[in-house]
Amino acid sequence: MKTRELIITGRGGGKTRRCIEIAAAEKAYIVCPTRKDALRITRMAEEMGLDILFPITASEFIKGDFGRYVTGFVFDDADRFFQMMARNVPIHAISLNEPERLD
């Protein structure tokens, strides 16, 4: 099963929880903004009883520090990821393809 979905909710709406579920099912790496986020996500997965690969940070992703046998990525807090890449210059819009069209 190759899951492709957009997870859009307010703060505390279960976005990270859903990312963990997808990462566990797909054996994919979660990409998150910081090491602190990676540790928090790892603890959440343990509490959920799910086995995930240790998340990689935005800087590790940009450098390509994730090995060559990667089966996929799940981005948690993608808005923060893009904001970090833009060096905190405001991002006014982001366009995405609908999940069915990501191929």
PDB file of N, CA and C in Angstrom:
ATOM      1  N   MET A   1       0.852  -1.174   0.000  1.00  0.00           N
ATOM      2  CA  MET A   1       0.000   0.000   0.000  1.00  0.00           C
ATOM      3  C   MET A   1       0.896   1.234   0.000  1.00  0.00           C
ATOM      4  N   LYS A   2       0.781   2.053  -0.997  1.00  0.00           N
ATOM      5  CA  LYS A   2       1.533   3.297  -1.059  1.00  0.00           C
ATOM      6  C   LYS A   2       0.585   4.433  -0.711  1.00  0.00           C
ATOM      7  N   THR A   3       0.678   4.907   0.508  1.00  0.00           N
ATOM      8  CA  THR A   3      -0.204   5.960   0.986  1.00  0.00           C
ATOM      9  C   THR A   3       0.247   7.305   0.453  1.00  0.00           C
ATOM     10  N   ARG A   4      -0.696   8.080  -0.041  1.00  0.00           N
ATOM     11  CA  ARG A   4      -0.422   9.444  -0.478  1.00  0.00           C
ATOM     12  C   ARG A   4      -1.579  10.291  -0.019  1.00  0.00           C
ATOM     13  N   GLU A   5      -1.313  11.174   0.894  1.00  0.00           N
ATOM     14  CA  GLU A   5      -2.385  12.033   1.369  1.00  0.00           C
ATOM     15  C   GLU A   5      -1.839  13.352   1.883  1.00  0.00           C
ATOM     16  N   LEU A   6      -2.690  14.340   1.880  1.00  0.00           N
ATOM     17  CA  LEU A   6      -2.391  15.627   2.498  1.00  0.00           C
ATOM     18  C   LEU A   6      -3.067  15.630   3.857  1.00  0.00           C
ATOM     19  N   ILE A   7      -2.329  15.993   4.872  1.00  0.00           N
ATOM     20  CA  ILE A   7      -2.864  16.026   6.229  1.00  0.00           C
ATOM     21  C   ILE A   7      -2.915  17.484   6.650  1.00  0.00           C
ATOM     22  N   ILE A   8      -4.102  18.039   6.682  1.00  0.00           N
ATOM     23  CA  ILE A   8      -4.251  19.456   6.991  1.00  0.00           C
ATOM     24  C   ILE A   8      -5.270  19.603   8.112  1.00  0.00           C
ATOM     25  N   THR A   9      -4.805  19.984   9.279  1.00  0.00           N
ATOM     26  CA  THR A   9      -5.676  20.269  10.423  1.00  0.00           C
ATOM     27  C   THR A   9      -5.020  21.361  11.244  1.00  0.00           C
ATOM     28  N   GLY A  10      -5.716  21.842  12.221  1.00  0.00           N
ATOM     29  CA  GLY A  10      -5.148  22.824  13.127  1.00  0.00           C
ATOM     30  C   GLY A  10      -4.182  22.179  14.097  1.00  0.00           C
ATOM     31  N   ARG A  11      -3.564  23.010  14.903  1.00  0.00           N
ATOM     32  CA  ARG A  11      -2.627  22.544  15.927  1.00  0.00           C
ATOM     33  C   ARG A  11      -3.329  21.541  16.840  1.00  0.00           C
ATOM     34  N   GLY A  12      -2.665  20.418  17.095  1.00  0.00           N
ATOM     35  CA  GLY A  12      -3.231  19.391  17.964  1.00  0.00           C
ATOM     36  C   GLY A  12      -4.285  18.537  17.280  1.00  0.00           C
ATOM     37  N   GLY A  13      -4.362  18.600  15.963  1.00  0.00           N
ATOM     38  CA  GLY A  13      -5.380  17.864  15.223  1.00  0.00           C
ATOM     39  C   GLY A  13      -4.984  16.459  14.796  1.00  0.00           C
ATOM     40  N   GLY A  14      -3.806  15.999  15.195  1.00  0.00           N
ATOM     41  CA  GLY A  14      -3.396  14.630  14.882  1.00  0.00           C
ATOM     42  C   GLY A  14      -2.520  14.463  13.650  1.00  0.00           C
ATOM     43  N   LYS A  15      -1.935  15.551  13.169  1.00  0.00           N
ATOM     44  CA  LYS A  15      -1.090  15.467  11.965  1.00  0.00           C
ATOM     45  C   LYS A  15       0.117  14.560  12.192  1.00  0.00           C
ATOM     46  N   THR A  16       0.834  14.785  13.277  1.00  0.00           N
ATOM     47  CA  THR A  16       2.028  13.975  13.551  1.00  0.00           C
ATOM     48  C   THR A  16       1.654  12.526  13.790  1.00  0.00           C
ATOM     49  N   ARG A  17       0.574  12.301  14.485  1.00  0.00           N
ATOM     50  CA  ARG A  17       0.094  10.937  14.741  1.00  0.00           C
ATOM     51  C   ARG A  17      -0.159  10.214  13.410  1.00  0.00           C
ATOM     52  N   ARG A  18      -0.810  10.894  12.480  1.00  0.00           N
ATOM     53  CA  ARG A  18      -1.091  10.287  11.176  1.00  0.00           C
ATOM     54  C   ARG A  18       0.213  10.056  10.396  1.00  0.00           C
ATOM     55  N   CYS A  19       1.159  10.997  10.493  1.00  0.00           N
ATOM     56  CA  CYS A  19       2.462  10.805   9.842  1.00  0.00           C
ATOM     57  C   CYS A  19       3.150   9.560  10.375  1.00  0.00           C
ATOM     58  N   ILE A  20       3.075   9.346  11.676  1.00  0.00           N
ATOM     59  CA  ILE A  20       3.680   8.164  12.289  1.00  0.00           C
ATOM     60  C   ILE A  20       3.015   6.897  11.769  1.00  0.00           C
ATOM     61  N   GLU A  21       1.693   6.892  11.688  1.00  0.00           N
ATOM     62  CA  GLU A  21       0.971   5.718  11.182  1.00  0.00           C
ATOM     63  C   GLU A  21       1.394   5.388   9.751  1.00  0.00           C
ATOM     64  N   ILE A  22       1.491   6.411   8.919  1.00  0.00           N
ATOM     65  CA  ILE A  22       1.891   6.197   7.525  1.00  0.00           C
ATOM     66  C   ILE A  22       3.338   5.716   7.454  1.00  0.00           C
ATOM     67  N   ALA A  23       4.241   6.357   8.203  1.00  0.00           N
ATOM     68  CA  ALA A  23       5.652   5.971   8.192  1.00  0.00           C
ATOM     69  C   ALA A  23       5.832   4.523   8.638  1.00  0.00           C
ATOM     70  N   ALA A  24       5.078   4.113   9.656  1.00  0.00           N
ATOM     71  CA  ALA A  24       5.175   2.735  10.137  1.00  0.00           C
ATOM     72  C   ALA A  24       4.675   1.757   9.076  1.00  0.00           C
ATOM     73  N   ALA A  25       3.565   2.082   8.436  1.00  0.00           N
ATOM     74  CA  ALA A  25       2.991   1.191   7.421  1.00  0.00           C
ATOM     75  C   ALA A  25       3.873   1.093   6.177  1.00  0.00           C
ATOM     76  N   GLU A  26       4.478   2.202   5.792  1.00  0.00           N
ATOM     77  CA  GLU A  26       5.252   2.255   4.546  1.00  0.00           C
ATOM     78  C   GLU A  26       6.750   2.040   4.748  1.00  0.00           C
ATOM     79  N   LYS A  27       7.184   1.944   6.005  1.00  0.00           N
ATOM     80  CA  LYS A  27       8.625   1.846   6.315  1.00  0.00           C
ATOM     81  C   LYS A  27       9.364   3.041   5.723  1.00  0.00           C
ATOM     82  N   ALA A  28       8.767   4.215   5.869  1.00  0.00           N
ATOM     83  CA  ALA A  28       9.318   5.450   5.311  1.00  0.00           C
ATOM     84  C   ALA A  28       9.914   6.305   6.421  1.00  0.00           C
ATOM     85  N   TYR A  29      10.837   7.162   6.046  1.00  0.00           N
ATOM     86  CA  TYR A  29      11.412   8.115   6.989  1.00  0.00           C
ATOM     87  C   TYR A  29      10.490   9.317   7.159  1.00  0.00           C
ATOM     88  N   ILE A  30      10.315   9.748   8.388  1.00  0.00           N
ATOM     89  CA  ILE A  30       9.655  11.011   8.644  1.00  0.00           C
ATOM     90  C   ILE A  30      10.718  12.096   8.577  1.00  0.00           C
ATOM     91  N   VAL A  31      10.433  13.157   7.835  1.00  0.00           N
ATOM     92  CA  VAL A  31      11.311  14.322   7.754  1.00  0.00           C
ATOM     93  C   VAL A  31      10.654  15.399   8.604  1.00  0.00           C
ATOM     94  N   CYS A  32      11.408  15.918   9.570  1.00  0.00           N
ATOM     95  CA  CYS A  32      10.871  16.929  10.475  1.00  0.00           C
ATOM     96  C   CYS A  32      11.881  18.071  10.605  1.00  0.00           C
ATOM     97  N   PRO A  33      11.438  19.224  11.095  1.00  0.00           N
ATOM     98  CA  PRO A  33      12.323  20.392  11.115  1.00  0.00           C
ATOM     99  C   PRO A  33      13.597  20.246  11.952  1.00  0.00           C
ATOM    100  N   THR A  34      13.509  19.689  13.170  1.00  0.00           N
ATOM    101  CA  THR A  34      14.666  19.706  14.071  1.00  0.00           C
ATOM    102  C   THR A  34      14.883  18.361  14.758  1.00  0.00           C
ATOM    103  N   ARG A  35      16.049  18.232  15.379  1.00  0.00           N
ATOM    104  CA  ARG A  35      16.370  17.030  16.168  1.00  0.00           C
ATOM    105  C   ARG A  35      15.396  16.880  17.336  1.00  0.00           C
ATOM    106  N   LYS A  36      15.029  17.986  17.949  1.00  0.00           N
ATOM    107  CA  LYS A  36      14.053  17.953  19.047  1.00  0.00           C
ATOM    108  C   LYS A  36      12.729  17.357  18.559  1.00  0.00           C
ATOM    109  N   ASP A  37      12.307  17.743  17.357  1.00  0.00           N
ATOM    110  CA  ASP A  37      11.088  17.174  16.771  1.00  0.00           C
ATOM    111  C   ASP A  37      11.261  15.676  16.537  1.00  0.00           C
ATOM    112  N   ALA A  38      12.437  15.266  16.054  1.00  0.00           N
ATOM    113  CA  ALA A  38      12.700  13.849  15.791  1.00  0.00           C
ATOM    114  C   ALA A  38      12.580  13.022  17.072  1.00  0.00           C
ATOM    115  N   LEU A  39      13.110  13.543  18.167  1.00  0.00           N
ATOM    116  CA  LEU A  39      13.012  12.839  19.450  1.00  0.00           C
ATOM    117  C   LEU A  39      11.564  12.761  19.923  1.00  0.00           C
ATOM    118  N   ARG A  40      10.815  13.859  19.756  1.00  0.00           N
ATOM    119  CA  ARG A  40       9.401  13.890  20.159  1.00  0.00           C
ATOM    120  C   ARG A  40       8.594  12.880  19.336  1.00  0.00           C
ATOM    121  N   ILE A  41       8.847  12.823  18.048  1.00  0.00           N
ATOM    122  CA  ILE A  41       8.137  11.894  17.166  1.00  0.00           C
ATOM    123  C   ILE A  41       8.463  10.450  17.538  1.00  0.00           C
ATOM    124  N   THR A  42       9.723  10.179  17.844  1.00  0.00           N
ATOM    125  CA  THR A  42      10.133   8.831  18.244  1.00  0.00           C
ATOM    126  C   THR A  42       9.405   8.408  19.515  1.00  0.00           C
ATOM    127  N   ARG A  43       9.318   9.320  20.483  1.00  0.00           N
ATOM    128  CA  ARG A  43       8.587   9.010  21.730  1.00  0.00           C
ATOM    129  C   ARG A  43       7.106   8.762  21.446  1.00  0.00           C
ATOM    130  N   MET A  44       6.522   9.568  20.590  1.00  0.00           N
ATOM    131  CA  MET A  44       5.109   9.379  20.241  1.00  0.00           C
ATOM    132  C   MET A  44       4.878   8.011  19.609  1.00  0.00           C
ATOM    133  N   ALA A  45       5.753   7.624  18.694  1.00  0.00           N
ATOM    134  CA  ALA A  45       5.616   6.325  18.032  1.00  0.00           C
ATOM    135  C   ALA A  45       5.702   5.193  19.047  1.00  0.00           C
ATOM    136  N   GLU A  46       6.642   5.305  19.986  1.00  0.00           N
ATOM    137  CA  GLU A  46       6.766   4.286  21.035  1.00  0.00           C
ATOM    138  C   GLU A  46       5.491   4.206  21.856  1.00  0.00           C
ATOM    139  N   GLU A  47       4.931   5.361  22.222  1.00  0.00           N
ATOM    140  CA  GLU A  47       3.684   5.393  22.995  1.00  0.00           C
ATOM    141  C   GLU A  47       2.524   4.799  22.205  1.00  0.00           C
ATOM    142  N   MET A  48       2.556   4.937  20.891  1.00  0.00           N
ATOM    143  CA  MET A  48       1.517   4.379  20.029  1.00  0.00           C
ATOM    144  C   MET A  48       1.748   2.899  19.750  1.00  0.00           C
ATOM    145  N   GLY A  49       2.904   2.387  20.152  1.00  0.00           N
ATOM    146  CA  GLY A  49       3.236   0.988  19.897  1.00  0.00           C
ATOM    147  C   GLY A  49       3.603   0.710  18.449  1.00  0.00           C
ATOM    148  N   LEU A  50       4.098   1.743  17.751  1.00  0.00           N
ATOM    149  CA  LEU A  50       4.467   1.592  16.349  1.00  0.00           C
ATOM    150  C   LEU A  50       5.971   1.702  16.176  1.00  0.00           C
ATOM    151  N   ASP A  51       6.488   0.911  15.261  1.00  0.00           N
ATOM    152  CA  ASP A  51       7.923   0.877  14.980  1.00  0.00           C
ATOM    153  C   ASP A  51       8.195   1.737  13.750  1.00  0.00           C
ATOM    154  N   ILE A  52       9.006   2.792  13.923  1.00  0.00           N
ATOM    155  CA  ILE A  52       9.378   3.657  12.803  1.00  0.00           C
ATOM    156  C   ILE A  52      10.891   3.799  12.742  1.00  0.00           C
ATOM    157  N   LEU A  53      11.371   4.179  11.586  1.00  0.00           N
ATOM    158  CA  LEU A  53      12.778   4.540  11.446  1.00  0.00           C
ATOM    159  C   LEU A  53      12.991   5.857  12.177  1.00  0.00           C
ATOM    160  N   PHE A  54      14.193   6.085  12.692  1.00  0.00           N
ATOM    161  CA  PHE A  54      14.432   7.347  13.402  1.00  0.00           C
ATOM    162  C   PHE A  54      14.287   8.497  12.409  1.00  0.00           C
ATOM    163  N   PRO A  55      13.444   9.479  12.718  1.00  0.00           N
ATOM    164  CA  PRO A  55      13.205  10.592  11.789  1.00  0.00           C
ATOM    165  C   PRO A  55      14.486  11.345  11.441  1.00  0.00           C
ATOM    166  N   ILE A  56      14.482  11.927  10.260  1.00  0.00           N
ATOM    167  CA  ILE A  56      15.613  12.751   9.853  1.00  0.00           C
ATOM    168  C   ILE A  56      15.185  14.213   9.868  1.00  0.00           C
ATOM    169  N   THR A  57      16.155  15.063  10.099  1.00  0.00           N
ATOM    170  CA  THR A  57      15.863  16.496  10.181  1.00  0.00           C
ATOM    171  C   THR A  57      15.880  17.128   8.784  1.00  0.00           C
ATOM    172  N   ALA A  58      15.354  18.338   8.719  1.00  0.00           N
ATOM    173  CA  ALA A  58      15.335  19.083   7.457  1.00  0.00           C
ATOM    174  C   ALA A  58      16.755  19.230   6.905  1.00  0.00           C
ATOM    175  N   SER A  59      17.708  19.555   7.765  1.00  0.00           N
ATOM    176  CA  SER A  59      19.079  19.743   7.273  1.00  0.00           C
ATOM    177  C   SER A  59      19.678  18.430   6.777  1.00  0.00           C
ATOM    178  N   GLU A  60      19.377  17.312   7.434  1.00  0.00           N
ATOM    179  CA  GLU A  60      19.852  16.009   6.961  1.00  0.00           C
ATOM    180  C   GLU A  60      19.223  15.683   5.603  1.00  0.00           C
ATOM    181  N   PHE A  61      17.947  15.993   5.452  1.00  0.00           N
ATOM    182  CA  PHE A  61      17.261  15.747   4.182  1.00  0.00           C
ATOM    183  C   PHE A  61      17.900  16.554   3.060  1.00  0.00           C
ATOM    184  N   ILE A  62      18.134  17.835   3.307  1.00  0.00           N
ATOM    185  CA  ILE A  62      18.719  18.713   2.293  1.00  0.00           C
ATOM    186  C   ILE A  62      20.112  18.228   1.890  1.00  0.00           C
ATOM    187  N   LYS A  63      20.899  17.758   2.859  1.00  0.00           N
ATOM    188  CA  LYS A  63      22.247  17.252   2.578  1.00  0.00           C
ATOM    189  C   LYS A  63      22.228  15.865   1.927  1.00  0.00           C
ATOM    190  N   GLY A  64      21.083  15.180   2.002  1.00  0.00           N
ATOM    191  CA  GLY A  64      21.001  13.814   1.478  1.00  0.00           C
ATOM    192  C   GLY A  64      21.548  12.782   2.433  1.00  0.00           C
ATOM    193  N   ASP A  65      21.587  13.113   3.745  1.00  0.00           N
ATOM    194  CA  ASP A  65      22.131  12.209   4.765  1.00  0.00           C
ATOM    195  C   ASP A  65      21.086  11.199   5.230  1.00  0.00           C
ATOM    196  N   PHE A  66      20.656  10.332   4.317  1.00  0.00           N
ATOM    197  CA  PHE A  66      19.642   9.347   4.705  1.00  0.00           C
ATOM    198  C   PHE A  66      19.869   7.987   4.066  1.00  0.00           C
ATOM    199  N   GLY A  67      21.008   7.776   3.495  1.00  0.00           N
ATOM    200  CA  GLY A  67      21.311   6.475   2.903  1.00  0.00           C
ATOM    201  C   GLY A  67      20.679   6.322   1.535  1.00  0.00           C
ATOM    202  N   ARG A  68      20.921   5.181   0.915  1.00  0.00           N
ATOM    203  CA  ARG A  68      20.427   5.010  -0.450  1.00  0.00           C
ATOM    204  C   ARG A  68      19.308   3.992  -0.572  1.00  0.00           C
ATOM    205  N   TYR A  69      18.953   3.338   0.512  1.00  0.00           N
ATOM    206  CA  TYR A  69      17.888   2.330   0.462  1.00  0.00           C
ATOM    207  C   TYR A  69      16.611   2.859   1.101  1.00  0.00           C
ATOM    208  N   VAL A  70      16.255   4.069   0.757  1.00  0.00           N
ATOM    209  CA  VAL A  70      15.073   4.722   1.316  1.00  0.00           C
ATOM    210  C   VAL A  70      13.870   4.339   0.468  1.00  0.00           C
ATOM    211  N   THR A  71      12.784   3.958   1.145  1.00  0.00           N
ATOM    212  CA  THR A  71      11.574   3.564   0.411  1.00  0.00           C
ATOM    213  C   THR A  71      10.568   4.703   0.292  1.00  0.00           C
ATOM    214  N   GLY A  72      10.764   5.777   1.057  1.00  0.00           N
ATOM    215  CA  GLY A  72       9.850   6.908   0.972  1.00  0.00           C
ATOM    216  C   GLY A  72      10.020   7.869   2.127  1.00  0.00           C
ATOM    217  N   PHE A  73       9.354   9.003   2.004  1.00  0.00           N
ATOM    218  CA  PHE A  73       9.400  10.039   3.036  1.00  0.00           C
ATOM    219  C   PHE A  73       7.990  10.457   3.428  1.00  0.00           C
ATOM    220  N   VAL A  74       7.861  10.871   4.668  1.00  0.00           N
ATOM    221  CA  VAL A  74       6.643  11.478   5.191  1.00  0.00           C
ATOM    222  C   VAL A  74       7.092  12.788   5.831  1.00  0.00           C
ATOM    223  N   PHE A  75       6.568  13.911   5.360  1.00  0.00           N
ATOM    224  CA  PHE A  75       6.960  15.210   5.903  1.00  0.00           C
ATOM    225  C   PHE A  75       6.005  15.627   7.005  1.00  0.00           C
ATOM    226  N   ASP A  76       6.544  15.847   8.201  1.00  0.00           N
ATOM    227  CA  ASP A  76       5.762  16.385   9.313  1.00  0.00           C
ATOM    228  C   ASP A  76       6.122  17.860   9.456  1.00  0.00           C
ATOM    229  N   ASP A  77       5.136  18.694   9.618  1.00  0.00           N
ATOM    230  CA  ASP A  77       5.348  20.150   9.714  1.00  0.00           C
ATOM    231  C   ASP A  77       6.061  20.690   8.490  1.00  0.00           C
ATOM    232  N   ALA A  78       5.557  20.331   7.315  1.00  0.00           N
ATOM    233  CA  ALA A  78       6.177  20.767   6.059  1.00  0.00           C
ATOM    234  C   ALA A  78       6.239  22.282   5.957  1.00  0.00           C
ATOM    235  N   ASP A  79       5.257  22.970   6.533  1.00  0.00           N
ATOM    236  CA  ASP A  79       5.282  24.433   6.491  1.00  0.00           C
ATOM    237  C   ASP A  79       6.510  24.977   7.213  1.00  0.00           C
ATOM    238  N   ARG A  80       6.864  24.374   8.356  1.00  0.00           N
ATOM    239  CA  ARG A  80       8.073  24.792   9.076  1.00  0.00           C
ATOM    240  C   ARG A  80       9.325  24.462   8.279  1.00  0.00           C
ATOM    241  N   PHE A  81       9.321  23.315   7.601  1.00  0.00           N
ATOM    242  CA  PHE A  81      10.447  22.908   6.767  1.00  0.00           C
ATOM    243  C   PHE A  81      10.704  23.967   5.689  1.00  0.00           C
ATOM    244  N   PHE A  82       9.661  24.349   4.971  1.00  0.00           N
ATOM    245  CA  PHE A  82       9.823  25.363   3.920  1.00  0.00           C
ATOM    246  C   PHE A  82      10.221  26.710   4.500  1.00  0.00           C
ATOM    247  N   GLN A  83       9.676  27.050   5.658  1.00  0.00           N
ATOM    248  CA  GLN A  83      10.016  28.331   6.276  1.00  0.00           C
ATOM    249  C   GLN A  83      11.497  28.366   6.655  1.00  0.00           C
ATOM    250  N   MET A  84      12.025  27.242   7.135  1.00  0.00           N
ATOM    251  CA  MET A  84      13.449  27.169   7.461  1.00  0.00           C
ATOM    252  C   MET A  84      14.296  27.331   6.199  1.00  0.00           C
ATOM    253  N   MET A  85      13.872  26.696   5.111  1.00  0.00           N
ATOM    254  CA  MET A  85      14.620  26.800   3.857  1.00  0.00           C
ATOM    255  C   MET A  85      14.596  28.235   3.334  1.00  0.00           C
ATOM    256  N   ALA A  86      13.524  28.953   3.593  1.00  0.00           N
ATOM    257  CA  ALA A  86      13.391  30.338   3.129  1.00  0.00           C
ATOM    258  C   ALA A  86      14.040  31.325   4.094  1.00  0.00           C
ATOM    259  N   ARG A  87      14.712  30.785   5.115  1.00  0.00           N
ATOM    260  CA  ARG A  87      15.397  31.618   6.112  1.00  0.00           C
ATOM    261  C   ARG A  87      14.466  32.657   6.717  1.00  0.00           C
ATOM    262  N   ASN A  88      13.248  32.196   7.035  1.00  0.00           N
ATOM    263  CA  ASN A  88      12.225  32.986   7.715  1.00  0.00           C
ATOM    264  C   ASN A  88      11.702  34.180   6.927  1.00  0.00           C
ATOM    265  N   VAL A  89      11.974  34.231   5.626  1.00  0.00           N
ATOM    266  CA  VAL A  89      11.305  35.203   4.766  1.00  0.00           C
ATOM    267  C   VAL A  89       9.888  34.654   4.567  1.00  0.00           C
ATOM    268  N   PRO A  90       8.865  35.484   4.675  1.00  0.00           N
ATOM    269  CA  PRO A  90       7.491  34.970   4.576  1.00  0.00           C
ATOM    270  C   PRO A  90       7.221  34.207   3.275  1.00  0.00           C
ATOM    271  N   ILE A  91       6.537  33.082   3.406  1.00  0.00           N
ATOM    272  CA  ILE A  91       6.065  32.307   2.261  1.00  0.00           C
ATOM    273  C   ILE A  91       4.572  32.593   2.164  1.00  0.00           C
ATOM    274  N   HIS A  92       4.154  33.164   1.062  1.00  0.00           N
ATOM    275  CA  HIS A  92       2.763  33.576   0.923  1.00  0.00           C
ATOM    276  C   HIS A  92       1.852  32.504   0.361  1.00  0.00           C
ATOM    277  N   ALA A  93       2.409  31.510  -0.302  1.00  0.00           N
ATOM    278  CA  ALA A  93       1.576  30.441  -0.844  1.00  0.00           C
ATOM    279  C   ALA A  93       2.442  29.230  -1.172  1.00  0.00           C
ATOM    280  N   ILE A  94       1.829  28.070  -1.106  1.00  0.00           N
ATOM    281  CA  ILE A  94       2.461  26.817  -1.520  1.00  0.00           C
ATOM    282  C   ILE A  94       1.408  26.067  -2.323  1.00  0.00           C
ATOM    283  N   SER A  95       1.765  25.592  -3.504  1.00  0.00           N
ATOM    284  CA  SER A  95       0.816  24.793  -4.279  1.00  0.00           C
ATOM    285  C   SER A  95       1.221  23.327  -4.204  1.00  0.00           C
ATOM    286  N   LEU A  96       0.233  22.473  -4.177  1.00  0.00           N
ATOM    287  CA  LEU A  96       0.447  21.027  -4.123  1.00  0.00           C
ATOM    288  C   LEU A  96      -0.481  20.352  -5.113  1.00  0.00           C
ATOM    289  N   ASN A  97      -0.038  19.254  -5.683  1.00  0.00           N
ATOM    290  CA  ASN A  97      -0.929  18.441  -6.493  1.00  0.00           C
ATOM    291  C   ASN A  97      -1.844  17.657  -5.575  1.00  0.00           C
ATOM    292  N   GLU A  98      -3.033  17.340  -6.044  1.00  0.00           N
ATOM    293  CA  GLU A  98      -3.920  16.492  -5.267  1.00  0.00           C
ATOM    294  C   GLU A  98      -3.256  15.142  -5.077  1.00  0.00           C
ATOM    295  N   PRO A  99      -3.512  14.449  -3.947  1.00  0.00           N
ATOM    296  CA  PRO A  99      -2.830  13.185  -3.670  1.00  0.00           C
ATOM    297  C   PRO A  99      -2.920  12.158  -4.788  1.00  0.00           C
ATOM    298  N   GLU A 100      -4.027  12.061  -5.477  1.00  0.00           N
ATOM    299  CA  GLU A 100      -4.173  11.077  -6.546  1.00  0.00           C
ATOM    300  C   GLU A 100      -3.237  11.360  -7.708  1.00  0.00           C
ATOM    301  N   ARG A 101      -2.723  12.575  -7.790  1.00  0.00           N
ATOM    302  CA  ARG A 101      -1.928  12.979  -8.946  1.00  0.00           C
ATOM    303  C   ARG A 101      -0.449  13.119  -8.619  1.00  0.00           C
ATOM    304  N   LEU A 102       0.012  12.583  -7.494  1.00  0.00           N
ATOM    305  CA  LEU A 102       1.416  12.725  -7.106  1.00  0.00           C
ATOM    306  C   LEU A 102       2.358  11.806  -7.883  1.00  0.00           C
ATOM    307  N   ASP A 103       1.833  10.894  -8.662  1.00  0.00           N
ATOM    308  CA  ASP A 103       2.703   9.995  -9.437  1.00  0.00           C
ATOM    309  C   ASP A 103       3.397  10.814 -10.450  1.00  0.00           C
TER     310      ASP A 103
END
